[in-house]
Amino acid sequence: MSKSSRAGDAARTEAIPFEEALKKLESIVEAMEAGDLPLEGLLAKYEEGTKLAQVCQARLTEAELKIQRLE
C-alpha cells in the first residue's frame, strides 16, 4: 500500500462518526475471533481496528473535555 493510499485511508477513518467507527470495530473483532481469516487478513483487520480504536478514543476524550467545560 502506498503512502498516499494510507493517508487517504486514515483521513476517511478519522472522518467517520463515532457510532459508525464503533460498529466497524465490533465487526472487525467478530471477524478476527471467528478464526477464518488468513494471517494477512488478520494483520489488515488488526491495523484497521487499531485506527478505529484510536478514532473512538479521541472522540470520547473530546466529548469528555467538552462536558467538563460545560460543567
PDB file of N, CA and C in Angstrom:
ATOM      1  N   MET A   1       0.848  -1.174   0.000  1.00  0.00           N
ATOM      2  CA  MET A   1       0.000   0.000   0.000  1.00  0.00           C
ATOM      3  C   MET A   1       0.892   1.235   0.000  1.00  0.00           C
ATOM      4  N   SER A   2       0.583   2.193  -0.862  1.00  0.00           N
ATOM      5  CA  SER A   2       1.404   3.392  -0.975  1.00  0.00           C
ATOM      6  C   SER A   2       1.110   4.355   0.161  1.00  0.00           C
ATOM      7  N   LYS A   3       2.025   5.299   0.380  1.00  0.00           N
ATOM      8  CA  LYS A   3       1.856   6.285   1.444  1.00  0.00           C
ATOM      9  C   LYS A   3       0.616   7.141   1.215  1.00  0.00           C
ATOM     10  N   SER A   4       0.369   7.542  -0.040  1.00  0.00           N
ATOM     11  CA  SER A   4      -0.801   8.379  -0.323  1.00  0.00           C
ATOM     12  C   SER A   4      -2.089   7.601  -0.080  1.00  0.00           C
ATOM     13  N   SER A   5      -2.093   6.306  -0.384  1.00  0.00           N
ATOM     14  CA  SER A   5      -3.267   5.481  -0.147  1.00  0.00           C
ATOM     15  C   SER A   5      -3.529   5.342   1.350  1.00  0.00           C
ATOM     16  N   ARG A   6      -2.461   5.140   2.127  1.00  0.00           N
ATOM     17  CA  ARG A   6      -2.603   5.039   3.576  1.00  0.00           C
ATOM     18  C   ARG A   6      -3.081   6.354   4.171  1.00  0.00           C
ATOM     19  N   ALA A   7      -2.599   7.464   3.663  1.00  0.00           N
ATOM     20  CA  ALA A   7      -3.024   8.775   4.147  1.00  0.00           C
ATOM     21  C   ALA A   7      -4.505   8.989   3.856  1.00  0.00           C
ATOM     22  N   GLY A   8      -4.955   8.562   2.689  1.00  0.00           N
ATOM     23  CA  GLY A   8      -6.371   8.669   2.342  1.00  0.00           C
ATOM     24  C   GLY A   8      -7.231   7.799   3.242  1.00  0.00           C
ATOM     25  N   ASP A   9      -6.767   6.581   3.547  1.00  0.00           N
ATOM     26  CA  ASP A   9      -7.497   5.693   4.446  1.00  0.00           C
ATOM     27  C   ASP A   9      -7.598   6.295   5.839  1.00  0.00           C
ATOM     28  N   ALA A  10      -6.512   6.883   6.313  1.00  0.00           N
ATOM     29  CA  ALA A  10      -6.509   7.500   7.640  1.00  0.00           C
ATOM     30  C   ALA A  10      -7.468   8.675   7.698  1.00  0.00           C
ATOM     31  N   ALA A  11      -7.498   9.480   6.646  1.00  0.00           N
ATOM     32  CA  ALA A  11      -8.405  10.628   6.605  1.00  0.00           C
ATOM     33  C   ALA A  11      -9.859  10.164   6.605  1.00  0.00           C
ATOM     34  N   ARG A  12     -10.156   9.105   5.858  1.00  0.00           N
ATOM     35  CA  ARG A  12     -11.528   8.578   5.833  1.00  0.00           C
ATOM     36  C   ARG A  12     -11.900   8.004   7.193  1.00  0.00           C
ATOM     37  N   THR A  13     -10.978   7.315   7.840  1.00  0.00           N
ATOM     38  CA  THR A  13     -11.242   6.733   9.149  1.00  0.00           C
ATOM     39  C   THR A  13     -11.540   7.817  10.166  1.00  0.00           C
ATOM     40  N   GLU A  14     -10.784   8.907  10.141  1.00  0.00           N
ATOM     41  CA  GLU A  14     -10.980   9.985  11.108  1.00  0.00           C
ATOM     42  C   GLU A  14     -12.259  10.767  10.843  1.00  0.00           C
ATOM     43  N   ALA A  15     -12.795  10.701   9.630  1.00  0.00           N
ATOM     44  CA  ALA A  15     -13.971  11.486   9.272  1.00  0.00           C
ATOM     45  C   ALA A  15     -15.286  10.769   9.595  1.00  0.00           C
ATOM     46  N   ILE A  16     -15.244   9.483   9.929  1.00  0.00           N
ATOM     47  CA  ILE A  16     -16.499   8.762  10.163  1.00  0.00           C
ATOM     48  C   ILE A  16     -17.037   9.075  11.559  1.00  0.00           C
ATOM     49  N   PRO A  17     -18.358   9.028  11.698  1.00  0.00           N
ATOM     50  CA  PRO A  17     -18.970   9.282  13.007  1.00  0.00           C
ATOM     51  C   PRO A  17     -18.555   8.209  14.028  1.00  0.00           C
ATOM     52  N   PHE A  18     -18.607   8.580  15.298  1.00  0.00           N
ATOM     53  CA  PHE A  18     -18.214   7.677  16.379  1.00  0.00           C
ATOM     54  C   PHE A  18     -18.983   6.353  16.315  1.00  0.00           C
ATOM     55  N   GLU A  19     -20.293   6.436  16.158  1.00  0.00           N
ATOM     56  CA  GLU A  19     -21.120   5.234  16.172  1.00  0.00           C
ATOM     57  C   GLU A  19     -20.758   4.283  15.034  1.00  0.00           C
ATOM     58  N   GLU A  20     -20.463   4.839  13.867  1.00  0.00           N
ATOM     59  CA  GLU A  20     -20.076   4.007  12.727  1.00  0.00           C
ATOM     60  C   GLU A  20     -18.706   3.369  12.964  1.00  0.00           C
ATOM     61  N   ALA A  21     -17.780   4.138  13.522  1.00  0.00           N
ATOM     62  CA  ALA A  21     -16.444   3.608  13.825  1.00  0.00           C
ATOM     63  C   ALA A  21     -16.550   2.473  14.834  1.00  0.00           C
ATOM     64  N   LEU A  22     -17.388   2.649  15.846  1.00  0.00           N
ATOM     65  CA  LEU A  22     -17.555   1.617  16.861  1.00  0.00           C
ATOM     66  C   LEU A  22     -18.184   0.359  16.267  1.00  0.00           C
ATOM     67  N   LYS A  23     -19.163   0.535  15.404  1.00  0.00           N
ATOM     68  CA  LYS A  23     -19.816  -0.605  14.751  1.00  0.00           C
ATOM     69  C   LYS A  23     -18.809  -1.374  13.891  1.00  0.00           C
ATOM     70  N   LYS A  24     -17.987  -0.639  13.129  1.00  0.00           N
ATOM     71  CA  LYS A  24     -16.964  -1.288  12.296  1.00  0.00           C
ATOM     72  C   LYS A  24     -15.960  -2.035  13.172  1.00  0.00           C
ATOM     73  N   LEU A  25     -15.580  -1.408  14.282  1.00  0.00           N
ATOM     74  CA  LEU A  25     -14.624  -2.033  15.191  1.00  0.00           C
ATOM     75  C   LEU A  25     -15.193  -3.330  15.761  1.00  0.00           C
ATOM     76  N   GLU A  26     -16.455  -3.312  16.137  1.00  0.00           N
ATOM     77  CA  GLU A  26     -17.097  -4.525  16.649  1.00  0.00           C
ATOM     78  C   GLU A  26     -17.127  -5.632  15.594  1.00  0.00           C
ATOM     79  N   SER A  27     -17.395  -5.278  14.343  1.00  0.00           N
ATOM     80  CA  SER A  27     -17.430  -6.299  13.288  1.00  0.00           C
ATOM     81  C   SER A  27     -16.035  -6.856  13.018  1.00  0.00           C
ATOM     82  N   ILE A  28     -15.028  -6.012  13.143  1.00  0.00           N
ATOM     83  CA  ILE A  28     -13.646  -6.477  12.966  1.00  0.00           C
ATOM     84  C   ILE A  28     -13.281  -7.475  14.056  1.00  0.00           C
ATOM     85  N   VAL A  29     -13.642  -7.170  15.295  1.00  0.00           N
ATOM     86  CA  VAL A  29     -13.356  -8.073  16.412  1.00  0.00           C
ATOM     87  C   VAL A  29     -14.052  -9.415  16.183  1.00  0.00           C
ATOM     88  N   GLU A  30     -15.317  -9.384  15.760  1.00  0.00           N
ATOM     89  CA  GLU A  30     -16.045 -10.625  15.492  1.00  0.00           C
ATOM     90  C   GLU A  30     -15.369 -11.441  14.390  1.00  0.00           C
ATOM     91  N   ALA A  31     -14.931 -10.764  13.326  1.00  0.00           N
ATOM     92  CA  ALA A  31     -14.269 -11.460  12.215  1.00  0.00           C
ATOM     93  C   ALA A  31     -12.954 -12.081  12.673  1.00  0.00           C
ATOM     94  N   MET A  32     -12.218 -11.353  13.508  1.00  0.00           N
ATOM     95  CA  MET A  32     -10.945 -11.881  13.987  1.00  0.00           C
ATOM     96  C   MET A  32     -11.154 -13.045  14.948  1.00  0.00           C
ATOM     97  N   GLU A  33     -12.179 -12.954  15.785  1.00  0.00           N
ATOM     98  CA  GLU A  33     -12.447 -14.033  16.737  1.00  0.00           C
ATOM     99  C   GLU A  33     -12.954 -15.294  16.053  1.00  0.00           C
ATOM    100  N   ALA A  34     -13.556 -15.150  14.877  1.00  0.00           N
ATOM    101  CA  ALA A  34     -14.068 -16.313  14.154  1.00  0.00           C
ATOM    102  C   ALA A  34     -12.935 -17.245  13.730  1.00  0.00           C
ATOM    103  N   GLY A  35     -11.751 -16.686  13.529  1.00  0.00           N
ATOM    104  CA  GLY A  35     -10.599 -17.513  13.191  1.00  0.00           C
ATOM    105  C   GLY A  35     -10.557 -17.991  11.754  1.00  0.00           C
ATOM    106  N   ASP A  36     -11.358 -17.403  10.884  1.00  0.00           N
ATOM    107  CA  ASP A  36     -11.416 -17.846   9.493  1.00  0.00           C
ATOM    108  C   ASP A  36     -10.498 -17.057   8.560  1.00  0.00           C
ATOM    109  N   LEU A  37      -9.821 -16.050   9.067  1.00  0.00           N
ATOM    110  CA  LEU A  37      -9.009 -15.191   8.215  1.00  0.00           C
ATOM    111  C   LEU A  37      -7.574 -15.695   8.113  1.00  0.00           C
ATOM    112  N   PRO A  38      -6.965 -15.550   6.942  1.00  0.00           N
ATOM    113  CA  PRO A  38      -5.546 -15.872   6.817  1.00  0.00           C
ATOM    114  C   PRO A  38      -4.724 -14.806   7.553  1.00  0.00           C
ATOM    115  N   LEU A  39      -3.475 -15.075   7.756  1.00  0.00           N
ATOM    116  CA  LEU A  39      -2.606 -14.167   8.517  1.00  0.00           C
ATOM    117  C   LEU A  39      -2.621 -12.756   7.940  1.00  0.00           C
ATOM    118  N   GLU A  40      -2.536 -12.629   6.631  1.00  0.00           N
ATOM    119  CA  GLU A  40      -2.527 -11.299   6.013  1.00  0.00           C
ATOM    120  C   GLU A  40      -3.831 -10.558   6.302  1.00  0.00           C
ATOM    121  N   GLY A  41      -4.931 -11.289   6.258  1.00  0.00           N
ATOM    122  CA  GLY A  41      -6.235 -10.704   6.561  1.00  0.00           C
ATOM    123  C   GLY A  41      -6.328 -10.265   8.011  1.00  0.00           C
ATOM    124  N   LEU A  42      -5.798 -11.107   8.897  1.00  0.00           N
ATOM    125  CA  LEU A  42      -5.785 -10.744  10.317  1.00  0.00           C
ATOM    126  C   LEU A  42      -4.988  -9.478  10.559  1.00  0.00           C
ATOM    127  N   LEU A  43      -3.833  -9.387   9.920  1.00  0.00           N
ATOM    128  CA  LEU A  43      -2.991  -8.198  10.098  1.00  0.00           C
ATOM    129  C   LEU A  43      -3.683  -6.942   9.578  1.00  0.00           C
ATOM    130  N   ALA A  44      -4.346  -7.060   8.439  1.00  0.00           N
ATOM    131  CA  ALA A  44      -5.061  -5.912   7.875  1.00  0.00           C
ATOM    132  C   ALA A  44      -6.212  -5.490   8.791  1.00  0.00           C
ATOM    133  N   LYS A  45      -6.956  -6.469   9.301  1.00  0.00           N
ATOM    134  CA  LYS A  45      -8.063  -6.170  10.218  1.00  0.00           C
ATOM    135  C   LYS A  45      -7.537  -5.558  11.517  1.00  0.00           C
ATOM    136  N   TYR A  46      -6.412  -6.079  12.005  1.00  0.00           N
ATOM    137  CA  TYR A  46      -5.816  -5.547  13.227  1.00  0.00           C
ATOM    138  C   TYR A  46      -5.418  -4.082  13.034  1.00  0.00           C
ATOM    139  N   GLU A  47      -4.799  -3.794  11.905  1.00  0.00           N
ATOM    140  CA  GLU A  47      -4.383  -2.422  11.613  1.00  0.00           C
ATOM    141  C   GLU A  47      -5.598  -1.495  11.522  1.00  0.00           C
ATOM    142  N   GLU A  48      -6.621  -1.930  10.810  1.00  0.00           N
ATOM    143  CA  GLU A  48      -7.833  -1.118  10.681  1.00  0.00           C
ATOM    144  C   GLU A  48      -8.502  -0.935  12.047  1.00  0.00           C
ATOM    145  N   GLY A  49      -8.558  -2.004  12.824  1.00  0.00           N
ATOM    146  CA  GLY A  49      -9.162  -1.941  14.148  1.00  0.00           C
ATOM    147  C   GLY A  49      -8.409  -0.998  15.078  1.00  0.00           C
ATOM    148  N   THR A  50      -7.096  -1.013  14.992  1.00  0.00           N
ATOM    149  CA  THR A  50      -6.282  -0.113  15.809  1.00  0.00           C
ATOM    150  C   THR A  50      -6.581   1.340  15.473  1.00  0.00           C
ATOM    151  N   LYS A  51      -6.694   1.644  14.195  1.00  0.00           N
ATOM    152  CA  LYS A  51      -7.008   3.015  13.768  1.00  0.00           C
ATOM    153  C   LYS A  51      -8.397   3.426  14.249  1.00  0.00           C
ATOM    154  N   LEU A  52      -9.355   2.526  14.115  1.00  0.00           N
ATOM    155  CA  LEU A  52     -10.715   2.825  14.557  1.00  0.00           C
ATOM    156  C   LEU A  52     -10.776   3.012  16.073  1.00  0.00           C
ATOM    157  N   ALA A  53     -10.036   2.195  16.808  1.00  0.00           N
ATOM    158  CA  ALA A  53      -9.999   2.337  18.272  1.00  0.00           C
ATOM    159  C   ALA A  53      -9.411   3.690  18.661  1.00  0.00           C
ATOM    160  N   GLN A  54      -8.389   4.138  17.947  1.00  0.00           N
ATOM    161  CA  GLN A  54      -7.798   5.454  18.219  1.00  0.00           C
ATOM    162  C   GLN A  54      -8.786   6.572  17.930  1.00  0.00           C
ATOM    163  N   VAL A  55      -9.534   6.435  16.840  1.00  0.00           N
ATOM    164  CA  VAL A  55     -10.547   7.438  16.490  1.00  0.00           C
ATOM    165  C   VAL A  55     -11.620   7.486  17.574  1.00  0.00           C
ATOM    166  N   CYS A  56     -12.103   6.323  17.996  1.00  0.00           N
ATOM    167  CA  CYS A  56     -13.134   6.273  19.033  1.00  0.00           C
ATOM    168  C   CYS A  56     -12.626   6.885  20.337  1.00  0.00           C
ATOM    169  N   GLN A  57     -11.407   6.549  20.710  1.00  0.00           N
ATOM    170  CA  GLN A  57     -10.843   7.083  21.950  1.00  0.00           C
ATOM    171  C   GLN A  57     -10.693   8.598  21.871  1.00  0.00           C
ATOM    172  N   ALA A  58     -10.262   9.098  20.734  1.00  0.00           N
ATOM    173  CA  ALA A  58     -10.107  10.550  20.564  1.00  0.00           C
ATOM    174  C   ALA A  58     -11.462  11.247  20.663  1.00  0.00           C
ATOM    175  N   ARG A  59     -12.483  10.665  20.056  1.00  0.00           N
ATOM    176  CA  ARG A  59     -13.825  11.263  20.114  1.00  0.00           C
ATOM    177  C   ARG A  59     -14.361  11.254  21.539  1.00  0.00           C
ATOM    178  N   LEU A  60     -14.124  10.171  22.265  1.00  0.00           N
ATOM    179  CA  LEU A  60     -14.574  10.102  23.654  1.00  0.00           C
ATOM    180  C   LEU A  60     -13.851  11.131  24.519  1.00  0.00           C
ATOM    181  N   THR A  61     -12.572  11.300  24.285  1.00  0.00           N
ATOM    182  CA  THR A  61     -11.795  12.287  25.021  1.00  0.00           C
ATOM    183  C   THR A  61     -12.301  13.697  24.726  1.00  0.00           C
ATOM    184  N   GLU A  62     -12.580  13.969  23.457  1.00  0.00           N
ATOM    185  CA  GLU A  62     -13.130  15.280  23.077  1.00  0.00           C
ATOM    186  C   GLU A  62     -14.461  15.527  23.779  1.00  0.00           C
ATOM    187  N   ALA A  63     -15.318  14.526  23.797  1.00  0.00           N
ATOM    188  CA  ALA A  63     -16.631  14.665  24.432  1.00  0.00           C
ATOM    189  C   ALA A  63     -16.479  14.897  25.934  1.00  0.00           C
ATOM    190  N   GLU A  64     -15.562  14.176  26.546  1.00  0.00           N
ATOM    191  CA  GLU A  64     -15.322  14.338  27.978  1.00  0.00           C
ATOM    192  C   GLU A  64     -14.841  15.758  28.300  1.00  0.00           C
ATOM    193  N   LEU A  65     -13.934  16.272  27.492  1.00  0.00           N
ATOM    194  CA  LEU A  65     -13.440  17.632  27.706  1.00  0.00           C
ATOM    195  C   LEU A  65     -14.543  18.657  27.517  1.00  0.00           C
ATOM    196  N   LYS A  66     -15.379  18.443  26.518  1.00  0.00           N
ATOM    197  CA  LYS A  66     -16.488  19.355  26.265  1.00  0.00           C
ATOM    198  C   LYS A  66     -17.459  19.357  27.454  1.00  0.00           C
ATOM    199  N   ILE A  67     -17.749  18.175  27.996  1.00  0.00           N
ATOM    200  CA  ILE A  67     -18.635  18.082  29.157  1.00  0.00           C
ATOM    201  C   ILE A  67     -18.021  18.787  30.362  1.00  0.00           C
ATOM    202  N   GLN A  68     -16.723  18.605  30.566  1.00  0.00           N
ATOM    203  CA  GLN A  68     -16.053  19.255  31.683  1.00  0.00           C
ATOM    204  C   GLN A  68     -16.121  20.774  31.555  1.00  0.00           C
ATOM    205  N   ARG A  69     -15.969  21.278  30.339  1.00  0.00           N
ATOM    206  CA  ARG A  69     -16.057  22.726  30.126  1.00  0.00           C
ATOM    207  C   ARG A  69     -17.474  23.249  30.392  1.00  0.00           C
ATOM    208  N   LEU A  70     -18.478  22.448  30.047  1.00  0.00           N
ATOM    209  CA  LEU A  70     -19.861  22.863  30.261  1.00  0.00           C
ATOM    210  C   LEU A  70     -20.250  22.851  31.741  1.00  0.00           C
ATOM    211  N   GLU A  71     -19.602  21.994  32.503  1.00  0.00           N
ATOM    212  CA  GLU A  71     -19.902  21.922  33.942  1.00  0.00           C
ATOM    213  C   GLU A  71     -19.312  23.127  34.607  1.00  0.00           C
TER     214      GLU A  71
END
